[in-house]
Amino acid sequence: MSEKVKVLIIGSGPAGYTAAIYAARAGLKPVLYTGSQPGGQLTITNDVENFPGYPEGINGPQMMVDLQKQAERFGTKINYGLVTSVDFSGYPHKVIVDEKHEVIAETVIIATGATAKYLGLPSEKEYYNRGVSACAVCDGYFYRGKDVAVVGAGDSAAEEATYLANLCAKVHLIVRRDEMRASKIMQQRVFKAPNIEVHWNTETEEIIGDDSGVTGIRVVNNKTGEKKEIQLQGFFLAIGHQPNTEIFRGYIDMDDKGYINVMPGTSKTNIPGVFAVGDAADKVYRQAITAAGSGCMGALDAEKFLVAKELEVGSLMTTAHV
């Protein structure tokens, strides 16, 4: 038997939970499926110090627990399950959870987020949140006055390197080729920063550390084969993110990287009644607070859509009786 809901939220995290809070307070009885990582990326973030309302900071997993409890308080039904396929070819929308459970939804809010890309080194996992990070804006503050490295060659890497240069004593920019992909203006900012050193034709071979966290990296020059160790305390990955949107391909309009296109100033996708919030549709900011804000937008957009649908149905019934 199919489960029928007014508002289905796919994915948890700040965007999904905020959408749930707003939808639930509007009396829409939302149902949220958490996905494979309940709470999203913040569940692997130890310290969150830039989310308003937490003057002493907060542990990422605890923050997600708080948001979940707040969503449940207003009546959100939270289910643990992974959406494995969708059918947005008709209305209402059909969603399959765990390859077997069908959900029929009048509106769908996509909050599946994005996943940072990693180099694939075992030491990345070992030292994650102990010197390894994929977000300079989130974690750069913890490395004030220290030496760090940024891996990448695009605009994101250049932006993160220059951001960290304002906080850190030294920034090592690790570039795999003999040139950067970043725009000229971003490259100029990198080259002008006196405390950024660019390592060309260089790849990270290993992240070195101890019980206190990262202490350095071992790199290799892919032209000469020369290896060396660089002493540092922070290692930032800036090689891109992968939005978790593949199951929507063929229905939802996306850019070439898989980020969902929404109508400017809204969370609306090309499919009426389907909305996208958080990092699944945000390739620029990717912050917890912006994700939460877009989650609010998604819920309000869904509510307006449902009200318009009810008015449309009421108008049709009135016409039919005339």
Protein backbone atom coordinates (compact mmCIF):
# COMPACT_ATOMS: atom_id res chain seq x y z
CA MET A 1 0.00 0.00 0.00
CA SER A 2 1.28 3.45 -0.88
CA GLU A 3 1.95 6.13 1.71
CA LYS A 4 0.21 9.40 0.82
CA VAL A 5 1.57 12.70 2.10
CA LYS A 6 1.11 16.42 1.48
CA VAL A 7 4.78 17.36 1.94
CA LEU A 8 7.60 14.87 1.47
CA ILE A 9 11.09 16.01 2.45
CA ILE A 10 13.96 13.99 1.01
CA GLY A 11 17.07 14.34 3.13
CA SER A 12 17.91 15.72 6.54
CA GLY A 13 20.47 18.29 7.62
CA PRO A 14 19.83 22.02 8.22
CA ALA A 15 17.83 22.42 4.99
CA GLY A 16 15.62 19.39 5.43
CA TYR A 17 14.95 19.88 9.11
CA THR A 18 14.20 23.60 8.70
CA ALA A 19 11.77 22.80 5.88
CA ALA A 20 10.15 20.26 8.20
CA ILE A 21 9.83 22.77 11.05
CA TYR A 22 8.11 25.35 8.85
CA ALA A 23 5.88 22.83 7.07
CA ALA A 24 4.85 21.22 10.34
CA ARG A 25 4.00 24.55 11.97
CA ALA A 26 1.82 25.29 8.93
CA GLY A 27 -0.17 22.13 9.67
CA LEU A 28 1.03 20.28 6.57
CA LYS A 29 2.11 17.13 8.47
CA PRO A 30 5.39 16.68 6.58
CA VAL A 31 7.12 13.33 6.28
CA LEU A 32 10.92 13.36 6.15
CA TYR A 33 13.18 10.54 4.98
CA THR A 34 16.66 11.01 6.40
CA GLY A 35 18.74 9.41 3.65
CA SER A 36 21.88 7.36 4.19
CA GLN A 37 23.49 9.98 6.46
CA PRO A 38 20.88 11.25 8.94
CA GLY A 39 21.75 14.84 9.77
CA GLY A 40 23.92 15.33 6.69
CA GLN A 41 27.49 16.61 6.61
CA LEU A 42 27.26 18.32 10.00
CA THR A 43 27.17 14.93 11.69
CA ILE A 44 30.88 14.64 10.88
CA THR A 45 31.68 18.19 12.00
CA ASN A 46 32.85 18.50 15.59
CA ASP A 47 32.58 22.24 16.18
CA VAL A 48 30.09 24.65 14.61
CA GLU A 49 30.84 28.22 15.68
CA ASN A 50 29.24 30.28 12.90
CA PHE A 51 25.58 29.30 13.24
CA PRO A 52 23.59 32.11 14.91
CA GLY A 53 22.20 31.38 18.35
CA TYR A 54 25.09 29.34 19.72
CA PRO A 55 27.45 31.84 21.41
CA GLU A 56 29.71 29.07 22.70
CA GLY A 57 29.50 27.02 19.49
CA ILE A 58 27.94 23.59 19.26
CA ASN A 59 28.88 20.07 18.33
CA GLY A 60 27.62 19.30 14.81
CA PRO A 61 25.86 16.01 15.64
CA GLN A 62 24.17 17.62 18.67
CA MET A 63 22.95 20.48 16.52
CA MET A 64 21.31 17.99 14.16
CA VAL A 65 19.70 16.20 17.10
CA ASP A 66 18.29 19.53 18.28
CA LEU A 67 16.90 20.34 14.83
CA GLN A 68 15.35 16.89 14.55
CA LYS A 69 13.66 17.24 17.95
CA GLN A 70 12.34 20.66 16.98
CA ALA A 71 10.89 19.28 13.74
CA GLU A 72 9.29 16.37 15.62
CA ARG A 73 7.89 18.68 18.27
CA PHE A 74 5.60 20.27 15.67
CA GLY A 75 4.48 16.97 14.20
CA THR A 76 7.01 16.01 11.52
CA LYS A 77 7.13 12.28 10.92
CA ILE A 78 10.78 11.33 10.52
CA ASN A 79 11.59 8.00 8.88
CA TYR A 80 14.97 6.39 8.42
CA GLY A 81 15.22 5.37 4.80
CA LEU A 82 16.90 6.14 1.49
CA VAL A 83 14.97 7.37 -1.54
CA THR A 84 16.17 5.15 -4.38
CA SER A 85 14.06 6.38 -7.32
CA VAL A 86 11.42 8.91 -8.26
CA ASP A 87 8.76 9.40 -10.91
CA PHE A 88 7.92 13.05 -11.52
CA SER A 89 6.27 12.45 -14.90
CA GLY A 90 2.76 12.94 -13.51
CA TYR A 91 0.93 14.34 -10.52
CA PRO A 92 0.94 13.59 -7.67
CA HIS A 93 4.62 12.65 -7.44
CA LYS A 94 5.82 9.10 -6.86
CA VAL A 95 8.87 8.29 -4.76
CA ILE A 96 10.32 4.88 -3.92
CA VAL A 97 12.14 4.38 -0.61
CA ASP A 98 14.63 1.55 -0.10
CA GLU A 99 13.61 0.15 -3.51
CA LYS A 100 10.26 -1.11 -2.21
CA HIS A 101 8.13 1.45 -0.35
CA GLU A 102 6.05 3.81 -2.51
CA VAL A 103 5.24 7.32 -1.35
CA ILE A 104 2.68 9.46 -3.18
CA ALA A 105 3.39 13.12 -2.46
CA GLU A 106 1.52 16.29 -3.38
CA THR A 107 4.75 18.25 -2.92
CA VAL A 108 8.38 17.18 -2.65
CA ILE A 109 11.21 19.15 -1.07
CA ILE A 110 14.63 17.89 -2.16
CA ALA A 111 17.24 18.40 0.57
CA THR A 112 19.75 15.73 -0.35
CA GLY A 113 22.81 17.97 -0.01
CA ALA A 114 26.21 17.56 -1.60
CA THR A 115 29.31 15.58 -0.70
CA ALA A 116 32.82 17.02 -0.72
CA LYS A 117 35.28 15.27 -3.01
CA TYR A 118 38.37 13.74 -1.41
CA LEU A 119 41.69 12.48 -2.67
CA GLY A 120 41.00 8.94 -1.47
CA LEU A 121 43.84 8.73 1.06
CA PRO A 122 43.18 6.58 4.16
CA SER A 123 44.77 9.34 6.26
CA GLU A 124 42.03 11.76 5.16
CA LYS A 125 39.49 9.75 7.11
CA GLU A 126 41.89 9.20 9.99
CA TYR A 127 42.44 12.92 10.51
CA TYR A 128 39.07 14.28 9.44
CA ASN A 129 38.09 17.03 11.89
CA ARG A 130 41.54 16.70 13.41
CA GLY A 131 43.26 18.84 10.83
CA VAL A 132 41.52 17.72 7.64
CA SER A 133 38.61 19.84 6.40
CA ALA A 134 36.66 20.50 3.23
CA CYS A 135 35.49 23.98 4.22
CA ALA A 136 37.85 26.88 4.95
CA VAL A 137 35.01 29.24 5.85
CA CYS A 138 33.69 26.71 8.37
CA ASP A 139 36.98 25.70 9.98
CA GLY A 140 39.63 28.27 9.07
CA TYR A 141 39.14 30.13 12.34
CA PHE A 142 40.59 27.17 14.25
CA TYR A 143 43.91 27.56 12.41
CA ARG A 144 44.66 31.20 13.16
CA GLY A 145 48.39 31.81 13.09
CA LYS A 146 49.16 28.27 11.94
CA ASP A 147 50.49 26.75 8.72
CA VAL A 148 47.98 25.05 6.44
CA ALA A 149 47.66 23.57 2.96
CA VAL A 150 44.91 23.84 0.36
CA VAL A 151 44.57 21.24 -2.40
CA GLY A 152 43.02 22.35 -5.68
CA ALA A 153 43.50 24.58 -8.71
CA GLY A 154 40.09 26.12 -9.44
CA ASP A 155 38.30 29.21 -8.19
CA SER A 156 37.23 27.45 -4.99
CA ALA A 157 40.82 26.54 -4.15
CA ALA A 158 42.04 30.07 -4.90
CA GLU A 159 39.25 31.57 -2.84
CA GLU A 160 39.90 29.27 0.11
CA ALA A 161 43.66 29.89 -0.06
CA THR A 162 43.22 33.68 -0.01
CA TYR A 163 40.62 33.41 2.77
CA LEU A 164 43.01 31.35 4.89
CA ALA A 165 45.90 33.69 4.08
CA ASN A 166 44.12 36.35 6.16
CA LEU A 167 44.04 34.00 9.15
CA CYS A 168 47.04 31.72 8.90
CA ALA A 169 50.78 32.25 9.06
CA LYS A 170 51.45 30.29 5.85
CA VAL A 171 49.27 28.70 3.18
CA HIS A 172 50.67 26.00 0.89
CA LEU A 173 48.57 25.69 -2.28
CA ILE A 174 49.02 22.22 -3.76
CA VAL A 175 48.41 22.26 -7.54
CA ARG A 176 48.58 19.02 -9.53
CA ARG A 177 49.48 20.64 -12.86
CA ASP A 178 51.77 23.48 -13.94
CA GLU A 179 48.86 25.91 -14.15
CA MET A 180 45.65 26.77 -12.32
CA ARG A 181 42.12 26.47 -13.67
CA ALA A 182 41.00 29.44 -11.59
CA SER A 183 39.99 32.69 -13.26
CA LYS A 184 42.75 35.21 -13.86
CA ILE A 185 41.54 37.56 -11.16
CA MET A 186 41.49 34.77 -8.58
CA GLN A 187 44.98 33.68 -9.61
CA GLN A 188 46.22 37.24 -9.21
CA ARG A 189 44.90 37.32 -5.66
CA VAL A 190 46.76 34.12 -4.89
CA PHE A 191 50.04 35.35 -6.38
CA LYS A 192 49.80 38.70 -4.59
CA ALA A 193 49.37 37.15 -1.14
CA PRO A 194 52.84 37.14 0.46
CA ASN A 195 52.11 34.12 2.67
CA ILE A 196 50.74 31.79 -0.05
CA GLU A 197 53.27 29.43 -1.61
CA VAL A 198 52.14 27.56 -4.71
CA HIS A 199 53.56 24.06 -5.22
CA TRP A 200 53.23 23.28 -8.94
CA ASN A 201 53.05 19.73 -10.40
CA THR A 202 52.56 18.46 -6.89
CA GLU A 203 50.32 15.78 -5.43
CA THR A 204 49.67 14.83 -1.83
CA GLU A 205 50.95 11.35 -1.11
CA GLU A 206 50.16 11.15 2.60
CA ILE A 207 48.81 13.20 5.48
CA ILE A 208 51.05 12.91 8.52
CA GLY A 209 49.90 13.27 12.12
CA ASP A 210 49.81 12.03 15.68
CA ASP A 211 47.34 11.92 18.55
CA SER A 212 47.04 15.72 18.45
CA GLY A 213 46.01 15.72 14.77
CA VAL A 214 47.69 16.70 11.50
CA THR A 215 51.36 17.64 11.74
CA GLY A 216 52.29 17.70 8.06
CA ILE A 217 51.96 16.20 4.59
CA ARG A 218 54.22 14.28 2.27
CA VAL A 219 54.02 15.46 -1.32
CA VAL A 220 55.56 14.30 -4.57
CA ASN A 221 56.46 16.27 -7.67
CA ASN A 222 54.78 14.39 -10.53
CA LYS A 223 57.38 15.67 -13.02
CA THR A 224 60.60 14.88 -11.18
CA GLY A 225 59.44 12.29 -8.66
CA GLU A 226 60.99 14.31 -5.84
CA LYS A 227 59.29 13.84 -2.48
CA LYS A 228 59.29 16.16 0.50
CA GLU A 229 57.47 16.74 3.76
CA ILE A 230 55.77 20.02 4.64
CA GLN A 231 55.14 20.80 8.30
CA LEU A 232 51.63 22.17 8.90
CA GLN A 233 48.57 21.81 11.11
CA GLY A 234 45.64 22.09 8.69
CA PHE A 235 44.83 20.38 5.38
CA PHE A 236 41.95 21.78 3.33
CA LEU A 237 40.41 20.05 0.32
CA ALA A 238 39.05 22.33 -2.41
CA ILE A 239 38.63 19.94 -5.32
CA GLY A 240 34.89 20.29 -5.59
CA HIS A 241 31.63 18.89 -4.30
CA GLN A 242 29.29 16.31 -5.77
CA PRO A 243 25.59 17.14 -5.31
CA ASN A 244 23.54 14.11 -4.27
CA THR A 245 21.02 14.50 -7.07
CA GLU A 246 21.60 11.61 -9.47
CA ILE A 247 18.23 9.94 -8.78
CA PHE A 248 16.45 13.08 -10.04
CA ARG A 249 18.27 13.18 -13.37
CA GLY A 250 15.90 13.07 -16.32
CA TYR A 251 13.16 14.89 -14.41
CA ILE A 252 14.79 17.88 -12.74
CA ASP A 253 16.79 20.51 -14.62
CA MET A 254 20.41 20.61 -13.41
CA ASP A 255 23.67 22.25 -14.38
CA ASP A 256 26.57 20.30 -15.81
CA LYS A 257 27.80 19.40 -12.31
CA GLY A 258 24.46 18.10 -11.08
CA TYR A 259 23.33 21.08 -9.00
CA ILE A 260 19.58 21.56 -9.29
CA ASN A 261 18.45 24.70 -11.11
CA VAL A 262 15.84 26.69 -9.23
CA MET A 263 13.91 29.76 -10.32
CA PRO A 264 15.74 32.88 -9.05
CA GLY A 265 14.61 33.94 -5.60
CA THR A 266 12.66 30.73 -5.02
CA SER A 267 13.15 27.02 -4.38
CA LYS A 268 10.99 26.07 -7.38
CA THR A 269 12.33 23.54 -9.88
CA ASN A 270 11.06 22.94 -13.41
CA ILE A 271 8.56 20.41 -12.01
CA PRO A 272 5.50 22.02 -10.38
CA GLY A 273 5.28 20.93 -6.75
CA VAL A 274 8.93 19.89 -6.51
CA PHE A 275 11.32 22.20 -4.67
CA ALA A 276 15.07 22.05 -4.05
CA VAL A 277 16.84 23.45 -1.00
CA GLY A 278 20.27 23.39 0.61
CA ASP A 279 23.49 22.23 -0.97
CA ALA A 280 21.72 20.19 -3.65
CA ALA A 281 20.91 23.52 -5.30
CA ASP A 282 23.67 25.72 -3.88
CA LYS A 283 27.11 25.60 -5.49
CA VAL A 284 28.18 28.99 -4.14
CA TYR A 285 27.73 29.29 -0.37
CA ARG A 286 27.28 25.74 1.00
CA GLN A 287 26.88 26.88 4.61
CA ALA A 288 24.59 25.50 7.31
CA ILE A 289 22.87 28.86 7.74
CA THR A 290 22.18 29.35 4.02
CA ALA A 291 20.91 25.76 3.81
CA ALA A 292 18.55 26.43 6.72
CA GLY A 293 17.31 29.62 5.07
CA SER A 294 16.59 27.84 1.81
CA GLY A 295 14.79 25.11 3.77
CA CYS A 296 12.42 27.78 5.05
CA MET A 297 11.89 28.96 1.46
CA GLY A 298 11.11 25.42 0.34
CA ALA A 299 8.43 24.94 2.98
CA LEU A 300 6.81 28.30 2.25
CA ASP A 301 6.87 27.63 -1.51
CA ALA A 302 5.32 24.20 -0.94
CA GLU A 303 2.59 25.70 1.25
CA LYS A 304 1.72 28.29 -1.41
CA PHE A 305 1.62 25.59 -4.06
CA LEU A 306 -0.80 23.48 -2.00
CA VAL A 307 -3.06 26.46 -1.30
CA ALA A 308 -3.18 27.25 -5.02
CA LYS A 309 -4.00 23.60 -5.78
CA GLU A 310 -6.87 23.62 -3.28
CA LEU A 311 -8.25 26.83 -4.79
CA GLU A 312 -7.97 25.31 -8.25
CA VAL A 313 -9.83 22.17 -7.20
CA GLY A 314 -12.49 24.24 -5.44
CA SER A 315 -12.96 26.37 -8.54
CA LEU A 316 -13.34 23.27 -10.74
CA MET A 317 -15.94 21.77 -8.38
CA THR A 318 -17.91 25.03 -8.31
CA THR A 319 -17.84 25.21 -12.12
CA ALA A 320 -18.99 21.60 -12.38
CA HIS A 321 -22.08 22.32 -10.26
CA VAL A 322 -23.07 25.43 -12.17
